[in-house]
Protein backbone atom coordinates (compact mmCIF):
# COMPACT_ATOMS: atom_id res chain seq x y z
CA MET A 1 54.38 23.49 -71.73
CA ILE A 2 55.89 23.38 -68.27
CA VAL A 3 58.32 20.55 -67.24
CA VAL A 4 58.13 20.18 -63.03
CA MET A 5 61.97 18.63 -61.95
CA LYS A 6 61.89 16.33 -59.00
CA LYS A 7 63.00 17.42 -55.73
CA ASP A 8 66.18 15.92 -55.61
CA ALA A 9 67.42 17.08 -59.43
CA GLN A 10 70.65 17.70 -60.06
CA GLN A 11 71.86 20.62 -61.98
CA GLU A 12 73.25 18.61 -64.99
CA ASP A 13 69.43 17.03 -64.67
CA LEU A 14 68.60 20.57 -64.91
CA ASP A 15 70.66 21.31 -68.20
CA ARG A 16 69.96 18.21 -70.02
CA VAL A 17 66.63 19.49 -70.29
CA VAL A 18 67.24 22.91 -70.89
CA GLY A 19 69.39 21.97 -73.85
CA ARG A 20 66.62 19.46 -75.21
CA VAL A 21 64.51 22.35 -75.34
CA GLU A 22 67.01 24.80 -76.67
CA LYS A 23 68.11 22.32 -79.19
CA ALA A 24 64.24 22.75 -80.62
CA GLY A 25 64.31 26.09 -81.16
CA LEU A 26 62.13 27.02 -78.05
CA GLY A 27 63.05 29.38 -75.59
CA VAL A 28 62.88 28.44 -71.70
CA HIS A 29 61.55 30.19 -68.47
CA LEU A 30 63.13 28.73 -65.17
CA SER A 31 61.20 28.91 -61.93
CA GLU A 32 62.69 28.28 -58.80
CA GLY A 33 60.17 27.45 -56.01
CA VAL A 34 60.91 25.87 -52.70
CA GLU A 35 59.91 22.30 -53.36
CA HIS A 36 60.60 22.28 -57.24
CA THR A 37 61.69 23.59 -60.02
CA ILE A 38 60.11 24.27 -63.64
CA VAL A 39 60.88 24.73 -66.51
CA GLY A 40 58.84 26.80 -69.24
CA VAL A 41 58.60 25.25 -72.60
CA VAL A 42 57.74 28.56 -74.98
CA GLY A 43 57.62 28.56 -78.57
CA ASP A 44 55.80 26.57 -80.61
CA VAL A 45 55.55 23.77 -78.56
CA ARG A 46 54.61 21.15 -81.62
CA HIS A 47 58.49 21.04 -82.40
CA ILE A 48 59.01 18.92 -79.15
CA ARG A 49 57.22 16.09 -77.62
CA PRO A 50 56.10 15.51 -73.95
CA GLU A 51 57.58 12.30 -74.03
CA ASP A 52 60.99 13.28 -75.13
CA LEU A 53 61.31 15.20 -72.09
CA GLN A 54 59.48 12.91 -69.47
CA VAL A 55 62.18 10.26 -70.41
CA LEU A 56 65.39 12.21 -68.68
CA SER A 57 66.80 12.36 -65.70
CA GLY A 58 65.65 14.16 -62.82
CA VAL A 59 61.75 14.97 -64.43
CA SER A 60 58.72 14.29 -62.30
CA ARG A 61 56.22 15.21 -64.93
CA VAL A 62 55.48 17.48 -68.26
CA VAL A 63 52.43 18.89 -67.57
CA ARG A 64 50.45 21.03 -70.87
CA ILE A 65 49.29 24.81 -70.23
CA MET A 66 45.94 24.90 -71.38
CA HIS A 67 45.53 28.79 -71.40
CA PRO A 68 47.51 31.22 -73.55
CA PHE A 69 49.03 32.98 -71.05
CA LYS A 70 51.88 30.73 -70.02
CA LEU A 71 54.18 32.70 -67.91
CA ALA A 72 51.45 34.25 -65.99
CA SER A 73 49.99 30.93 -65.24
CA ARG A 74 49.10 29.30 -61.85
CA GLU A 75 50.42 26.22 -63.94
CA PHE A 76 53.31 27.77 -65.04
CA GLN A 77 53.76 28.55 -60.75
CA ALA A 78 51.41 28.03 -58.66
CA GLU A 79 52.96 30.57 -55.56
CA THR A 80 52.37 33.68 -55.86
CA SER A 81 55.25 36.24 -57.02
CA GLU A 82 55.99 38.66 -54.53
CA ILE A 83 57.78 41.70 -55.58
CA ARG A 84 60.37 43.00 -53.03
CA LEU A 85 61.15 46.69 -53.30
CA ASN A 86 62.83 48.55 -50.55
CA GLY A 87 61.53 47.72 -47.23
CA PHE A 88 58.03 45.88 -48.08
CA SER A 89 56.51 43.66 -51.22
CA ILE A 90 53.60 43.26 -53.44
CA GLY A 91 51.83 39.87 -53.46
CA GLY A 92 52.36 38.54 -50.07
CA THR A 93 51.04 39.44 -46.64
CA GLU A 94 51.55 43.31 -46.52
CA ILE A 95 49.11 46.01 -48.69
CA PRO A 96 51.27 48.77 -49.59
CA VAL A 97 49.20 51.87 -50.60
CA MET A 98 50.74 53.79 -53.89
CA ALA A 99 49.11 57.28 -53.44
CA GLY A 100 49.52 60.94 -55.23
CA PRO A 101 48.19 63.28 -57.61
CA CYS A 102 47.19 62.30 -61.38
CA ALA A 103 49.52 64.41 -62.87
CA VAL A 104 52.58 66.24 -61.30
CA GLU A 105 51.35 69.99 -61.46
CA ASP A 106 54.72 71.74 -59.87
CA ARG A 107 57.12 71.29 -57.01
CA GLU A 108 55.28 72.63 -54.11
CA THR A 109 51.79 70.55 -54.44
CA LEU A 110 53.63 67.81 -55.15
CA LEU A 111 56.06 67.95 -51.75
CA GLU A 112 53.48 68.97 -49.84
CA THR A 113 51.37 65.70 -51.09
CA ALA A 114 54.37 63.34 -50.53
CA ARG A 115 54.71 64.53 -47.19
CA GLY A 116 51.06 63.68 -46.36
CA VAL A 117 50.41 60.49 -47.67
CA SER A 118 53.70 59.32 -46.34
CA ALA A 119 52.76 60.42 -43.09
CA SER A 120 49.48 58.69 -43.65
CA GLY A 121 51.14 55.49 -44.48
CA ALA A 122 51.63 55.47 -48.46
CA THR A 123 55.03 53.53 -49.62
CA VAL A 124 54.50 54.83 -53.07
CA LEU A 125 54.45 58.27 -54.77
CA ARG A 126 52.44 57.98 -57.79
CA GLY A 127 51.65 60.81 -60.66
CA GLY A 128 51.95 61.69 -64.35
CA ALA A 129 54.72 63.26 -65.80
CA PHE A 130 53.82 62.62 -69.17
CA LYS A 131 49.79 62.28 -69.51
CA PRO A 132 47.60 60.70 -71.97
CA ARG A 133 45.15 63.38 -72.38
CA THR A 134 41.57 62.44 -73.97
CA SER A 135 41.61 65.95 -75.48
CA PRO A 136 44.85 67.43 -76.99
CA TYR A 137 44.45 70.86 -75.19
CA SER A 138 44.36 69.16 -71.71
CA PHE A 139 47.57 69.52 -69.13
CA GLN A 140 49.94 66.82 -70.89
CA GLY A 141 51.95 66.88 -67.77
CA LEU A 142 55.60 68.38 -67.27
CA GLY A 143 57.77 65.53 -69.11
CA GLU A 144 61.28 65.36 -67.44
CA ASP A 145 60.85 68.10 -64.87
CA GLY A 146 58.40 66.22 -63.79
CA LEU A 147 60.41 63.41 -63.03
CA LYS A 148 62.97 65.03 -60.98
CA MET A 149 60.44 66.59 -59.05
CA MET A 150 59.28 63.32 -58.21
CA ALA A 151 62.61 62.20 -57.62
CA GLU A 152 63.15 65.11 -55.27
CA ALA A 153 59.92 64.34 -53.38
CA ARG A 154 61.09 60.17 -53.13
CA ASP A 155 64.73 61.84 -51.39
CA GLU A 156 62.76 64.06 -48.93
CA THR A 157 60.31 61.20 -47.58
CA GLY A 158 61.09 57.84 -48.90
CA LEU A 159 58.42 57.05 -51.02
CA LEU A 160 59.16 54.76 -54.04
CA ILE A 161 57.50 56.34 -57.25
CA VAL A 162 55.94 55.06 -59.53
CA THR A 163 54.87 56.81 -63.19
CA GLU A 164 53.87 56.12 -66.41
CA VAL A 165 55.72 55.25 -69.51
CA LEU A 166 54.04 56.28 -72.80
CA SER A 167 56.46 55.30 -75.68
CA PRO A 168 58.83 52.57 -75.75
CA GLY A 169 61.52 55.44 -76.25
CA ASP A 170 60.88 56.65 -72.92
CA VAL A 171 61.77 53.81 -71.23
CA GLU A 172 65.22 54.03 -70.32
CA LEU A 173 64.37 58.08 -69.38
CA VAL A 174 61.53 57.09 -67.45
CA SER A 175 63.69 54.12 -65.62
CA SER A 176 66.55 56.10 -64.23
CA TYR A 177 64.07 58.25 -61.97
CA ALA A 178 61.29 55.60 -61.33
CA ASP A 179 61.33 52.82 -59.25
CA ILE A 180 58.09 51.20 -60.99
CA LEU A 181 56.90 51.48 -64.60
CA GLN A 182 53.29 52.14 -64.96
CA ILE A 183 51.92 51.26 -68.57
CA GLY A 184 48.35 52.72 -68.50
CA ALA A 185 44.92 51.64 -69.57
CA ARG A 186 44.82 53.36 -72.95
CA ASN A 187 48.69 51.20 -73.67
CA MET A 188 47.74 48.04 -72.46
CA GLN A 189 47.97 46.78 -76.35
CA ASN A 190 50.74 48.62 -76.66
CA TYR A 191 53.33 45.79 -77.92
CA SER A 192 56.11 47.32 -78.67
CA LEU A 193 56.26 49.19 -75.28
CA LEU A 194 55.31 46.07 -73.23
CA HIS A 195 58.68 44.55 -75.59
CA GLU A 196 60.26 47.30 -74.45
CA VAL A 197 59.20 47.25 -70.46
CA GLY A 198 59.99 43.56 -70.47
CA ALA A 199 63.79 44.43 -71.12
CA ALA A 200 63.28 46.76 -68.55
CA ASP A 201 65.11 46.22 -64.86
CA ARG A 202 61.94 47.46 -63.40
CA PRO A 203 58.52 46.21 -61.82
CA VAL A 204 56.02 46.98 -64.25
CA LEU A 205 52.65 48.13 -62.97
CA LEU A 206 50.13 46.91 -66.17
CA LYS A 207 46.49 48.59 -65.88
CA ARG A 208 43.90 46.89 -67.71
CA GLY A 209 42.75 48.37 -70.60
CA MET A 210 39.13 49.98 -70.12
CA MET A 211 37.21 47.41 -72.49
CA SER A 212 39.74 44.33 -72.47
CA SER A 213 39.00 41.35 -70.74
CA VAL A 214 40.84 39.52 -68.09
CA GLU A 215 42.57 37.43 -70.54
CA GLU A 216 43.74 39.93 -72.93
CA TRP A 217 44.86 41.61 -69.85
CA LEU A 218 46.65 38.69 -69.43
CA MET A 219 47.98 38.02 -72.75
CA SER A 220 49.48 41.86 -72.28
CA ALA A 221 51.21 41.08 -69.05
CA GLU A 222 52.68 37.39 -70.89
CA TYR A 223 54.36 40.33 -73.40
CA VAL A 224 56.54 41.73 -70.77
CA LEU A 225 56.92 38.33 -68.90
CA SER A 226 58.41 36.60 -72.14
CA GLY A 227 60.66 39.55 -73.00
CA GLY A 228 62.15 38.73 -69.32
CA ASN A 229 60.86 40.77 -66.92
CA SER A 230 59.36 38.65 -63.96
CA ARG A 231 58.37 41.40 -61.86
CA VAL A 232 55.05 42.32 -63.24
CA ILE A 233 51.66 43.94 -61.21
CA LEU A 234 48.44 43.66 -62.26
CA CYS A 235 46.37 46.91 -61.44
CA GLU A 236 42.20 46.92 -62.04
CA ARG A 237 41.37 50.23 -62.95
CA GLY A 238 37.34 49.41 -64.02
CA ILE A 239 36.07 48.87 -67.32
CA ARG A 240 33.62 50.71 -69.45
CA THR A 241 29.99 49.92 -69.54
CA PHE A 242 26.92 51.18 -69.88
CA GLU A 243 26.61 53.09 -66.61
CA GLY A 244 26.71 56.38 -66.45
CA TYR A 245 26.96 57.39 -62.75
CA THR A 246 30.76 56.36 -62.25
CA ARG A 247 33.34 56.63 -64.94
CA ASN A 248 33.69 53.30 -65.17
CA THR A 249 32.59 50.07 -63.65
CA LEU A 250 35.07 48.69 -61.05
CA ASP A 251 35.32 45.36 -61.57
CA LEU A 252 36.43 43.49 -58.31
CA SER A 253 35.40 39.96 -59.40
CA ALA A 254 38.51 40.52 -61.52
CA VAL A 255 40.49 40.65 -58.64
CA PRO A 256 39.83 37.13 -57.20
CA LEU A 257 39.48 35.68 -60.16
CA ALA A 258 42.38 36.96 -61.77
CA LYS A 259 44.66 35.60 -58.23
CA GLY A 260 43.19 32.15 -59.14
CA LEU A 261 44.49 32.45 -62.90
CA THR A 262 47.95 34.12 -62.13
CA HIS A 263 50.42 34.37 -59.79
CA LEU A 264 51.01 37.62 -60.42
CA PRO A 265 49.80 40.05 -57.83
CA VAL A 266 46.74 42.40 -58.33
CA VAL A 267 46.06 45.50 -57.03
CA VAL A 268 43.09 47.90 -57.64
CA ASP A 269 42.75 51.96 -58.30
CA PRO A 270 39.62 52.90 -56.94
CA SER A 271 39.98 56.34 -58.54
CA HIS A 272 39.94 55.73 -62.16
CA GLY A 273 37.55 52.85 -61.66
CA THR A 274 34.92 55.08 -60.17
CA GLY A 275 35.37 58.59 -61.08
CA ARG A 276 34.41 59.78 -57.61
CA SER A 277 36.10 60.66 -54.43
CA ASP A 278 33.19 59.78 -52.23
CA LEU A 279 33.27 56.30 -53.92
CA VAL A 280 37.31 55.68 -53.14
CA GLU A 281 37.40 54.89 -49.61
CA SER A 282 34.47 52.13 -49.83
CA MET A 283 35.79 50.54 -52.69
CA SER A 284 38.90 50.38 -51.49
CA MET A 285 37.87 48.55 -48.34
CA ALA A 286 36.05 46.15 -51.02
CA ALA A 287 39.50 45.73 -52.61
CA VAL A 288 40.91 44.70 -49.54
CA ALA A 289 38.15 42.63 -48.53
CA ALA A 290 38.47 40.60 -51.95
CA GLY A 291 42.18 39.84 -51.67
CA ALA A 292 43.80 43.13 -53.94
CA ASP A 293 47.16 42.76 -53.28
CA GLY A 294 47.76 46.89 -52.78
CA LEU A 295 45.91 49.96 -54.16
CA LEU A 296 46.73 52.75 -56.20
CA VAL A 297 44.62 56.17 -54.81
CA GLU A 298 44.96 59.58 -56.49
CA VAL A 299 45.33 62.42 -54.05
CA HIS A 300 45.89 65.86 -54.28
CA PRO A 301 45.95 68.92 -51.52
CA ARG A 302 43.24 70.90 -53.25
CA PRO A 303 41.25 68.64 -56.04
CA ASP A 304 38.76 71.24 -56.82
CA GLN A 305 42.23 73.18 -58.48
CA ALA A 306 43.90 70.09 -59.75
CA LEU A 307 44.87 70.06 -63.29
CA SER A 308 43.72 66.53 -63.98
CA ASP A 309 41.05 64.24 -62.38
CA GLY A 310 40.25 66.37 -59.31
CA PRO A 311 36.46 64.90 -59.03
CA GLN A 312 38.23 61.62 -58.37
CA SER A 313 40.93 63.12 -56.02
CA LEU A 314 40.76 62.39 -51.94
CA THR A 315 42.25 65.60 -50.09
CA LEU A 316 45.50 64.62 -47.42
CA GLU A 317 42.48 64.51 -44.60
CA ALA A 318 40.14 62.07 -46.40
CA PHE A 319 43.23 59.77 -47.60
CA SER A 320 44.61 59.31 -43.67
CA ASP A 321 41.18 58.73 -42.36
CA MET A 322 40.73 56.28 -44.70
CA MET A 323 44.15 54.89 -44.30
CA GLN A 324 43.44 54.06 -40.33
CA ARG A 325 39.62 52.73 -41.49
CA LEU A 326 41.51 50.30 -43.90
CA ARG A 327 43.90 48.69 -41.04
CA SER A 328 41.05 46.87 -39.45
CA ILE A 329 39.77 45.90 -43.28
CA ALA A 330 43.13 44.40 -43.82
CA SER A 331 43.51 42.48 -40.34
CA ALA A 332 40.02 40.84 -40.56
CA VAL A 333 41.27 39.20 -43.78
CA ASP A 334 45.08 38.30 -42.24
CA ARG A 335 46.81 40.91 -44.23
CA ARG A 336 48.42 44.24 -43.14
CA MET A 337 48.77 47.97 -44.55
CA VAL A 338 52.25 49.04 -44.68
CA GLY A 339 53.83 52.49 -45.42
CA VAL A 340 56.69 54.75 -44.43
CA GLY A 341 55.00 56.52 -42.19
CA SER A 342 52.42 53.96 -40.41
CA SER A 343 52.31 53.25 -36.85
């Protein structure tokens, strides 16, 4: 349930509504828009009647939200959330690109990659310091040493950092280095982790689970939002189907679908979505055309030597070429690419 306040409602009107909701034992989430302030009523709304709120001074209307995801819905907030970061935003007219290796392997390779993607127009350096791998014998990441290397790359290039956090106990550590916390596909329904990042002071990039519906994805976002963290970025990264020629099936229909259902920005990961470097550029272009608010791309100076996901990683040269071509696609849909090293 949401309570839409009148445009001329006073602070005491808002306080009265909030008090009535809290007296019923329910939670409150406020969304202050340009035209109206909206009070989101969170919890078992059977404990309060809409008419009890409708009669209060300053209330324009009371609306029941039909979707199970309340705080993430367009009914709760009509305008797309624009998540402002250092020098750019996600969810507005700009299309930032997050690029880098699947895993942080060593200092020299990471710095080489960071310099290259920055020069080509990336805004965020992606890379895994903690790696959840299918096989326990595969490279598992460098841990905090990897985070320190990413911080050094940020200091040199100006790129922000997005990296994955795997467990609730690591959130504080990763937050001390990262600018954006990534929740990977395997952890999309790790509710303890979602609760923890919901209390963190960092934006959260929430990847769609490989076998998850759009509604399940948005319900996971709801966990983060209900924890008090409003800066959630959805990431479509492909789902598992019967197709064997690609690693996953990149569901680009999920981009406009999710953007119609939720106010949260949506970015696309064409690298995991296909598992093939030769498909990354075309899927990136299609994602921008479909309305994606950003891209997450794997880039490595020498993909054939990468310790993780080499077959889906672009070379620095291929990434630069793609970024040049993406600008025309963005312009065609009234958006623009933005980056620390772009012209």
